[in-house]
Amino acid sequence: MKISVNYTQNEIQELKILAAFYVSDFVIRIQFSDGVERLIDFKSFLNKSIHPSIKKYRDETLFSSFSIIDGNLNWNDYDLIFPIENLHEGKI
């Protein structure tokens, strides 16, 4: 028995971050490739973290210096990164 599925290019769409804007006080507005837009507040996550590599991002200047690389929100060459699905759901 052979099972085959024919997908068109439009049916399979990789979720990506198209744009991200630092709002203030560790909040980032993120626009996703599927049209969803979220305001994500990272402050609680950063304040709860005890790991030094995450705690350093409590510095607002360092935190606000993210970039979008390959559709992901990225800090300092993958020093800090979050699963895109979690960000899409508004969870961190």
Protein backbone atom coordinates (compact mmCIF):
# COMPACT_ATOMS: atom_id res chain seq x y z
CA MET A 1 0.00 0.00 0.00
CA LYS A 2 1.30 3.43 -0.90
CA ILE A 3 0.02 6.56 0.79
CA SER A 4 0.82 9.80 -0.88
CA VAL A 5 -0.10 13.32 -0.03
CA ASN A 6 0.14 16.19 -2.44
CA TYR A 7 0.94 19.49 -0.74
CA THR A 8 0.96 22.77 -2.54
CA GLN A 9 3.42 25.51 -1.69
CA ASN A 10 0.68 27.51 0.02
CA GLU A 11 -0.28 24.69 2.40
CA ILE A 12 3.18 24.38 3.92
CA GLN A 13 4.29 27.69 5.33
CA GLU A 14 7.20 28.03 7.67
CA LEU A 15 6.44 30.33 10.59
CA LYS A 16 8.90 33.22 10.70
CA ILE A 17 9.29 36.54 12.40
CA LEU A 18 9.07 39.26 9.79
CA ALA A 19 9.60 42.29 12.03
CA ALA A 20 10.26 43.07 15.67
CA PHE A 21 10.25 46.46 17.37
CA TYR A 22 11.45 47.27 20.85
CA VAL A 23 8.60 49.12 22.60
CA SER A 24 10.01 49.78 26.09
CA ASP A 25 10.62 48.14 29.46
CA PHE A 26 11.56 44.75 27.93
CA VAL A 27 8.49 44.57 25.68
CA ILE A 28 8.87 43.69 21.99
CA ARG A 29 6.18 43.90 19.30
CA ILE A 30 6.62 40.92 16.96
CA GLN A 31 5.03 40.44 13.53
CA PHE A 32 4.86 36.86 12.23
CA SER A 33 4.66 35.56 8.68
CA ASP A 34 1.09 34.32 9.20
CA GLY A 35 -0.15 37.83 9.98
CA VAL A 36 -0.23 37.42 13.78
CA GLU A 37 1.21 40.29 15.80
CA ARG A 38 2.06 40.02 19.50
CA LEU A 39 3.38 42.22 22.27
CA ILE A 40 5.71 40.04 24.34
CA ASP A 41 6.83 41.13 27.80
CA PHE A 42 10.19 39.52 28.62
CA LYS A 43 10.69 41.33 31.94
CA SER A 44 9.30 38.62 34.22
CA PHE A 45 11.33 35.92 32.46
CA LEU A 46 14.54 37.94 32.79
CA ASN A 47 13.90 38.84 36.42
CA LYS A 48 13.23 35.21 37.40
CA SER A 49 16.33 33.86 35.71
CA ILE A 50 19.37 33.07 37.83
CA HIS A 51 21.58 31.98 34.93
CA PRO A 52 24.33 34.56 34.28
CA SER A 53 24.03 34.32 30.49
CA ILE A 54 20.36 35.33 30.75
CA LYS A 55 20.64 37.73 33.70
CA LYS A 56 22.95 39.99 31.72
CA TYR A 57 19.99 40.83 29.44
CA ARG A 58 18.39 42.73 32.32
CA ASP A 59 20.52 45.53 30.90
CA GLU A 60 17.95 47.26 28.70
CA THR A 61 20.54 48.43 26.18
CA LEU A 62 21.82 44.88 25.69
CA PHE A 63 18.31 43.44 25.58
CA SER A 64 17.10 45.93 22.99
CA SER A 65 19.97 45.05 20.63
CA PHE A 66 18.30 41.96 19.14
CA SER A 67 18.15 41.11 15.46
CA ILE A 68 16.12 38.83 13.23
CA ILE A 69 18.17 36.01 11.78
CA ASP A 70 16.57 33.35 9.59
CA GLY A 71 13.13 34.35 10.84
CA ASN A 72 14.05 34.08 14.53
CA LEU A 73 14.50 36.70 17.23
CA ASN A 74 18.15 36.51 18.17
CA TRP A 75 20.48 38.21 20.64
CA ASN A 76 24.24 38.33 20.20
CA ASP A 77 24.79 35.45 17.75
CA TYR A 78 22.38 32.96 19.40
CA ASP A 79 23.41 33.86 22.95
CA LEU A 80 19.70 34.25 23.73
CA ILE A 81 16.93 32.85 21.54
CA PHE A 82 13.37 31.62 22.09
CA PRO A 83 11.35 28.96 20.24
CA ILE A 84 9.34 30.79 17.59
CA GLU A 85 6.23 28.72 18.38
CA ASN A 86 6.31 29.94 21.99
CA LEU A 87 6.65 33.55 20.92
CA HIS A 88 3.81 33.06 18.46
CA GLU A 89 1.61 31.82 21.31
CA GLY A 90 2.73 34.71 23.50
CA LYS A 91 4.59 32.43 25.92
CA ILE A 92 8.17 32.56 27.08
